[in-house]
Protein backbone atom coordinates (compact mmCIF):
# COMPACT_ATOMS: atom_id res chain seq x y z
CA MET A 1 11.99 -19.22 65.93
CA THR A 2 14.20 -21.47 68.04
CA VAL A 3 17.35 -19.61 67.07
CA ARG A 4 15.68 -16.36 68.14
CA GLU A 5 14.63 -17.82 71.44
CA LEU A 6 17.98 -19.12 72.29
CA ASP A 7 19.77 -15.94 71.20
CA ALA A 8 17.33 -13.88 73.37
CA ALA A 9 17.98 -16.11 76.43
CA GLY A 10 21.69 -15.67 75.91
CA ILE A 11 22.28 -19.40 75.28
CA HIS A 12 25.35 -19.68 73.02
CA ASP A 13 27.08 -23.00 73.70
CA PRO A 14 26.18 -25.34 70.81
CA ALA A 15 25.67 -28.33 72.90
CA LEU A 16 23.49 -26.44 75.30
CA ARG A 17 21.55 -24.91 72.40
CA ALA A 18 20.95 -28.51 71.00
CA ALA A 19 19.70 -29.62 74.42
CA TYR A 20 17.13 -26.80 74.72
CA THR A 21 16.09 -27.38 71.04
CA HIS A 22 15.47 -31.09 71.91
CA CYS A 23 13.25 -29.99 74.87
CA ARG A 24 11.31 -27.73 72.75
CA GLY A 25 10.47 -30.60 70.23
CA LEU A 26 9.22 -32.67 73.29
CA ASN A 27 6.92 -29.72 74.18
CA ALA A 28 5.68 -29.10 70.77
CA ARG A 29 4.89 -32.94 70.15
CA HIS A 30 3.43 -33.78 73.44
CA GLY A 31 2.16 -30.64 75.31
CA LYS A 32 -0.05 -28.98 72.89
CA THR A 33 -1.95 -26.74 75.27
CA TYR A 34 1.23 -26.02 77.27
CA PHE A 35 3.15 -25.31 74.11
CA LEU A 36 0.56 -23.03 72.67
CA ALA A 37 0.52 -20.92 75.97
CA THR A 38 4.39 -20.84 76.08
CA ARG A 39 4.33 -19.10 72.55
CA LEU A 40 2.78 -16.18 74.32
CA LEU A 41 5.76 -15.60 76.69
CA PRO A 42 8.68 -13.21 75.81
CA VAL A 43 11.09 -15.08 73.68
CA ASP A 44 13.92 -15.16 76.21
CA ARG A 45 11.85 -16.99 78.76
CA ARG A 46 10.52 -19.80 76.40
CA PRO A 47 13.76 -22.06 76.52
CA ALA A 48 13.47 -22.50 80.21
CA VAL A 49 9.79 -23.51 80.08
CA HIS A 50 10.66 -26.03 77.33
CA ALA A 51 13.40 -27.49 79.64
CA LEU A 52 11.10 -27.84 82.67
CA TYR A 53 8.46 -29.48 80.36
CA GLY A 54 10.94 -31.80 78.75
CA PHE A 55 12.08 -33.09 82.30
CA ALA A 56 8.59 -33.71 83.54
CA ARG A 57 7.65 -35.39 80.28
CA TRP A 58 10.71 -37.75 80.35
CA ALA A 59 9.83 -38.87 83.96
CA ASP A 60 6.13 -39.24 83.16
CA ASP A 61 6.86 -41.38 80.10
CA ILE A 62 9.02 -43.65 82.16
CA VAL A 63 6.15 -44.27 84.42
CA ASP A 64 3.14 -44.08 82.22
CA ASP A 65 4.00 -45.11 78.57
CA LEU A 66 1.24 -47.70 77.82
CA ASP A 67 3.28 -48.94 74.79
CA SER A 68 6.31 -49.90 76.86
CA THR A 69 6.82 -53.49 77.89
CA ALA A 70 8.98 -52.49 80.82
CA THR A 71 8.15 -53.94 84.22
CA PRO A 72 7.52 -51.89 87.38
CA GLY A 73 11.13 -52.86 88.57
CA GLU A 74 12.59 -51.77 85.15
CA ARG A 75 10.63 -48.45 85.28
CA GLY A 76 11.88 -47.89 88.88
CA ARG A 77 15.44 -48.50 87.94
CA ALA A 78 14.94 -46.01 85.02
CA LEU A 79 13.73 -43.42 87.48
CA LEU A 80 16.65 -44.06 89.74
CA ALA A 81 18.97 -43.48 86.80
CA LEU A 82 17.22 -40.34 85.96
CA GLU A 83 17.53 -39.04 89.42
CA ALA A 84 21.28 -39.81 89.44
CA GLN A 85 21.70 -37.90 86.13
CA LEU A 86 19.69 -35.03 87.68
CA GLU A 87 21.87 -35.00 90.71
CA ALA A 88 25.07 -34.85 88.52
CA GLY A 89 23.64 -32.15 86.47
CA LEU A 90 22.54 -29.91 89.38
CA ARG A 91 25.35 -30.48 91.66
CA ARG A 92 28.42 -30.81 89.37
CA ASP A 93 27.37 -29.63 85.95
CA ARG A 94 28.21 -33.08 84.38
CA ALA A 95 25.08 -33.85 82.62
CA THR A 96 25.46 -35.47 79.29
CA GLU A 97 21.76 -36.23 78.37
CA PRO A 98 20.19 -33.17 76.66
CA VAL A 99 17.04 -32.94 78.93
CA ILE A 100 19.07 -32.77 82.09
CA ARG A 101 21.62 -30.53 80.58
CA ALA A 102 18.94 -27.97 79.57
CA LEU A 103 17.05 -28.35 83.11
CA ALA A 104 20.36 -28.00 85.11
CA ASP A 105 21.13 -24.73 83.10
CA THR A 106 17.60 -23.38 83.68
CA ALA A 107 17.75 -24.30 87.44
CA ARG A 108 20.88 -22.33 87.71
CA ARG A 109 19.81 -19.20 85.62
CA TYR A 110 16.55 -18.90 87.64
CA ASP A 111 17.72 -20.23 91.03
CA ILE A 112 14.98 -22.87 91.10
CA ASP A 113 14.97 -24.93 94.39
CA ARG A 114 16.25 -28.31 93.47
CA ARG A 115 13.93 -29.86 95.98
CA HIS A 116 11.17 -29.18 93.52
CA PHE A 117 12.76 -31.75 91.18
CA THR A 118 13.32 -34.37 93.75
CA ASP A 119 9.82 -34.05 95.12
CA PHE A 120 8.52 -34.56 91.72
CA LEU A 121 10.57 -37.71 91.23
CA ALA A 122 9.42 -39.06 94.52
CA SER A 123 5.76 -38.74 93.41
CA MET A 124 6.59 -40.43 90.19
CA ARG A 125 8.14 -43.30 92.00
CA SER A 126 4.95 -43.70 93.96
CA ASP A 127 2.99 -44.17 90.77
CA LEU A 128 4.85 -47.47 90.35
CA THR A 129 3.32 -49.01 93.60
CA VAL A 130 0.33 -46.91 94.47
CA GLY A 131 -2.91 -47.43 92.47
CA GLY A 132 -5.36 -45.25 94.46
CA TYR A 133 -5.96 -42.83 97.29
CA ALA A 134 -8.35 -42.95 100.23
CA SER A 135 -9.05 -39.24 100.49
CA TYR A 136 -8.34 -35.83 98.89
CA GLU A 137 -5.89 -35.13 101.78
CA GLU A 138 -3.91 -38.20 100.76
CA LEU A 139 -4.14 -37.38 97.18
CA GLY A 140 -2.94 -33.95 97.90
CA ARG A 141 0.31 -35.16 99.45
CA TYR A 142 1.01 -36.97 96.23
CA MET A 143 0.03 -34.00 94.19
CA HIS A 144 2.46 -31.67 96.01
CA GLY A 145 5.22 -33.47 94.25
CA SER A 146 3.42 -34.30 90.99
CA ALA A 147 1.78 -31.05 90.37
CA ALA A 148 2.22 -28.24 92.95
CA VAL A 149 6.05 -28.15 92.53
CA ILE A 150 5.45 -27.72 88.73
CA GLY A 151 3.90 -24.31 89.37
CA LEU A 152 6.76 -23.50 92.01
CA GLN A 153 9.42 -24.31 89.29
CA MET A 154 7.69 -22.06 86.70
CA LEU A 155 7.32 -19.03 89.06
CA PRO A 156 10.86 -17.77 88.92
CA VAL A 157 10.83 -18.06 85.15
CA LEU A 158 7.62 -16.09 84.84
CA GLY A 159 8.57 -13.53 87.50
CA THR A 160 6.34 -11.68 89.95
CA VAL A 161 5.50 -8.10 90.84
CA GLY A 162 5.79 -8.62 94.53
CA PRO A 163 7.45 -11.07 96.72
CA ARG A 164 7.64 -14.47 95.16
CA GLU A 165 6.50 -16.24 98.49
CA GLU A 166 3.13 -14.36 98.18
CA ALA A 167 2.46 -15.83 94.72
CA ALA A 168 3.85 -19.18 95.47
CA PRO A 169 0.63 -20.79 97.00
CA HIS A 170 -1.49 -19.56 93.93
CA ALA A 171 1.11 -21.06 91.58
CA ALA A 172 1.08 -24.35 93.37
CA ALA A 173 -2.75 -24.35 93.34
CA LEU A 174 -2.68 -23.81 89.50
CA GLY A 175 -0.37 -26.81 89.09
CA VAL A 176 -2.75 -28.83 91.13
CA ALA A 177 -5.81 -27.54 89.17
CA PHE A 178 -4.17 -28.49 85.91
CA GLN A 179 -3.39 -32.04 87.12
CA LEU A 180 -6.96 -32.51 88.60
CA THR A 181 -8.16 -31.82 85.11
CA ASN A 182 -5.97 -34.27 83.61
CA PHE A 183 -7.10 -36.88 86.23
CA LEU A 184 -10.73 -36.24 85.04
CA ARG A 185 -9.96 -36.23 81.39
CA ASP A 186 -7.70 -39.37 81.49
CA VAL A 187 -9.59 -41.45 84.17
CA GLY A 188 -10.14 -44.24 81.61
CA GLU A 189 -6.49 -44.39 80.50
CA ASP A 190 -5.30 -44.29 84.10
CA LEU A 191 -7.66 -47.30 84.99
CA ASP A 192 -5.83 -49.06 82.16
CA ARG A 193 -2.54 -48.36 84.04
CA GLY A 194 -4.04 -49.73 87.29
CA ARG A 195 -4.67 -46.36 88.85
CA LEU A 196 -7.66 -44.23 89.95
CA TYR A 197 -6.89 -40.80 91.09
CA LEU A 198 -10.48 -40.26 92.27
CA PRO A 199 -10.46 -40.68 96.12
CA ALA A 200 -12.19 -43.65 97.58
CA GLU A 201 -14.14 -41.43 99.94
CA LEU A 202 -15.54 -39.46 96.94
CA LEU A 203 -16.72 -42.71 95.32
CA ALA A 204 -18.31 -44.06 98.54
CA ALA A 205 -20.18 -40.82 99.07
CA HIS A 206 -22.00 -41.71 95.78
CA GLY A 207 -22.51 -45.35 96.42
CA VAL A 208 -20.02 -46.77 93.98
CA ASP A 209 -16.47 -48.27 94.23
CA ARG A 210 -13.48 -48.81 92.11
CA GLU A 211 -14.82 -52.03 90.75
CA ARG A 212 -17.82 -50.31 89.36
CA PHE A 213 -15.52 -47.86 87.51
CA GLU A 214 -13.52 -50.74 86.09
CA TRP A 215 -16.72 -52.32 85.00
CA SER A 216 -17.94 -49.29 83.27
CA ARG A 217 -14.52 -48.94 81.44
CA ARG A 218 -14.53 -52.59 80.33
CA THR A 219 -18.23 -52.86 79.22
CA GLY A 220 -18.86 -49.29 77.86
CA ALA A 221 -22.10 -49.19 80.07
CA ARG A 222 -23.05 -45.98 81.99
CA ASP A 223 -24.00 -45.60 85.61
CA ALA A 224 -25.71 -42.44 86.84
CA ARG A 225 -23.82 -42.73 90.23
CA ILE A 226 -20.38 -42.68 88.46
CA THR A 227 -21.51 -39.49 86.56
CA ASP A 228 -22.31 -37.93 89.97
CA VAL A 229 -18.81 -38.78 91.22
CA LEU A 230 -17.32 -37.18 88.10
CA ARG A 231 -19.56 -34.14 88.34
CA ALA A 232 -18.48 -33.69 91.98
CA ALA A 233 -14.67 -34.07 91.06
CA ALA A 234 -15.19 -31.36 88.38
CA ALA A 235 -16.76 -29.03 90.98
CA HIS A 236 -13.93 -29.66 93.31
CA ASN A 237 -11.44 -28.98 90.45
CA ARG A 238 -13.30 -25.65 89.65
CA ALA A 239 -12.80 -24.61 93.31
CA VAL A 240 -9.06 -25.13 93.11
CA TYR A 241 -8.90 -23.01 89.88
CA ARG A 242 -10.68 -20.27 91.89
CA ASP A 243 -7.97 -20.50 94.58
CA ALA A 244 -5.16 -20.16 91.84
CA LEU A 245 -6.85 -17.22 90.04
CA PRO A 246 -5.50 -14.41 92.16
CA GLY A 247 -2.01 -15.52 91.44
CA ILE A 248 -2.18 -14.37 87.78
CA ALA A 249 -2.29 -10.66 88.76
CA MET A 250 0.83 -11.30 90.90
CA LEU A 251 3.01 -12.48 87.80
CA ALA A 252 5.13 -10.12 85.90
CA PRO A 253 2.80 -8.31 83.38
CA VAL A 254 4.57 -9.91 80.32
CA SER A 255 3.98 -13.40 81.70
CA ARG A 256 0.25 -13.06 82.53
CA PRO A 257 -1.16 -13.60 78.97
CA CYS A 258 0.63 -16.98 78.89
CA ILE A 259 -0.68 -18.28 82.15
CA ARG A 260 -4.22 -16.75 81.58
CA THR A 261 -4.39 -18.63 78.32
CA ALA A 262 -3.36 -21.79 79.88
CA PHE A 263 -5.96 -21.26 82.75
CA VAL A 264 -8.77 -20.68 80.28
CA LEU A 265 -7.81 -23.64 77.89
CA TYR A 266 -7.33 -26.11 80.83
CA SER A 267 -10.43 -25.15 82.73
CA GLY A 268 -12.28 -25.30 79.35
CA ILE A 269 -11.49 -29.03 79.37
CA LEU A 270 -13.90 -29.24 82.27
CA ASP A 271 -16.45 -27.59 80.08
CA ALA A 272 -15.79 -30.19 77.37
CA ILE A 273 -16.22 -33.05 79.89
CA GLU A 274 -19.63 -31.54 81.03
CA ALA A 275 -20.62 -31.13 77.43
CA ASP A 276 -19.73 -34.84 76.78
CA GLY A 277 -21.99 -35.92 79.60
CA TYR A 278 -19.04 -37.01 81.80
CA ALA A 279 -18.28 -39.77 79.50
CA VAL A 280 -14.63 -39.77 80.20
CA LEU A 281 -14.41 -43.56 80.94
CA HIS A 282 -15.22 -44.16 77.42
CA ARG A 283 -13.81 -41.26 75.30
CA ARG A 284 -11.40 -38.31 75.83
CA SER A 285 -12.96 -34.83 76.05
CA VAL A 286 -11.07 -32.09 74.22
CA VAL A 287 -11.62 -28.40 73.74
CA PRO A 288 -12.89 -27.68 70.24
CA ARG A 289 -10.36 -26.19 67.68
CA ARG A 290 -12.45 -23.03 67.27
CA ARG A 291 -12.44 -22.37 70.94
CA ARG A 292 -8.66 -22.79 71.30
CA ALA A 293 -8.25 -20.32 68.29
CA VAL A 294 -10.35 -17.74 69.98
CA VAL A 295 -8.53 -18.05 73.40
CA ALA A 296 -5.13 -18.13 71.66
CA LEU A 297 -5.92 -15.03 69.74
CA ASP A 298 -7.17 -13.18 72.82
CA GLY A 299 -3.76 -14.24 74.57
CA LEU A 300 -1.79 -12.98 71.62
CA VAL A 301 -3.39 -9.57 71.80
CA ARG A 302 -2.76 -9.29 75.53
CA ALA A 303 0.82 -10.52 75.04
CA VAL A 304 1.57 -7.95 72.39
CA ALA A 305 0.03 -5.18 74.58
CA ALA A 306 1.99 -6.21 77.60
CA ARG A 307 5.28 -6.31 75.71
CA ALA A 308 4.65 -2.92 74.21
CA VAL A 309 3.93 -1.39 77.66
CA SER A 310 7.04 -3.21 79.10
CA SER A 311 9.19 -1.90 76.36
CA ARG A 312 8.28 1.72 77.32
CA GLY A 313 8.95 1.02 81.05
CA GLU A 314 5.39 1.61 82.06
CA GLU A 315 3.40 -0.28 84.67
CA ALA A 316 1.03 -2.67 82.82
CA PRO A 317 -2.51 -2.57 83.92
CA VAL A 318 -4.10 -5.58 85.60
CA ALA A 319 -7.60 -4.69 84.31
CA GLY A 320 -9.43 -6.66 81.68
CA PRO A 321 -11.64 -9.63 81.53
CA SER A 322 -11.13 -12.12 84.38
CA CYS A 323 -9.90 -15.70 83.77
CA ALA A 324 -13.08 -16.64 85.55
CA SER A 325 -15.09 -14.85 82.91
CA PRO A 326 -13.35 -15.62 79.57
CA PRO A 327 -14.85 -14.57 76.18
CA SER A 328 -18.14 -16.28 75.46
CA ARG A 329 -17.72 -19.80 74.28
CA PRO A 330 -18.57 -20.20 70.49
CA ARG A 331 -21.77 -22.41 70.40
CA VAL A 332 -20.30 -25.25 68.31
CA ALA A 333 -20.45 -28.92 68.94
CA PRO A 334 -17.04 -30.48 70.25
CA VAL A 335 -14.92 -31.69 67.53
CA ARG A 336 -12.98 -35.00 67.78
CA GLU A 337 -9.41 -34.24 67.52
CA GLU A 338 -6.04 -34.51 69.28
CA ALA A 339 -6.23 -33.55 72.96
CA VAL A 340 -5.21 -29.98 73.86
């Protein structure tokens, strides 16, 4: 399938094909939900998504790899080296590293604003020194670079049916919604890294502090006030998903099934967290395999229909079940498996 994707995208240079193939491998290994949704895109758009994912994953691994013995200073220097390679690739087409080579080619093909990449790296650098946030407003400034710009990078690849700037706020909101879900799912692991992405004002509103979270993580003990914090954070996250939802209908019809599937699967992680009793400090909540299969099949049916309509030159209908009301969840117990 990789050869078919590259041929459809018009990527013929052997070194460039190898670079995109490398990015695709990163996506398949590390971004299971993201990769599954990407399979629903038209084949010619998939390499670009793999390149965008590969770059984000590389930077994230520099900052967050728990198995690495690198010091914060060493991680900072690695980020600076990555930024220098990015600059060379974007400005002078001199990238030698596969991920940067593929990213630079994608940025040129789709005219992606390079500021989205530099803003992303700025937020990654802040993770090396900032371990918490006082308010959602402060967290939001960090998330512009760490999450909103991911949605903005994707928008030119996905395409829109109207002016891109009208869809941009919703694309940014969806990037933020996905990351807020990651923050909730990974709150225990992030504490192990010395970070807590739940704002201090939220904790204080429920009578707890960071030290109480660290105590719960360390001892395995539960605290009803911590559960209340996590429940409130999930409610905030769902509100951001609602802000993002109208943007799906603004996308090119052939791209909607992909983003709808990602929307349903990622917001479904919140359902899994709720079903697990908000025990995210002690175990990772995941969407059950059967649920993923149902959503993926629905996405595939929609993708095939959208491509058929597109091939006939017709206007694809927007109607159909809303992302806010996905097919009924199978009533099965959560299965312990790899995270989506």
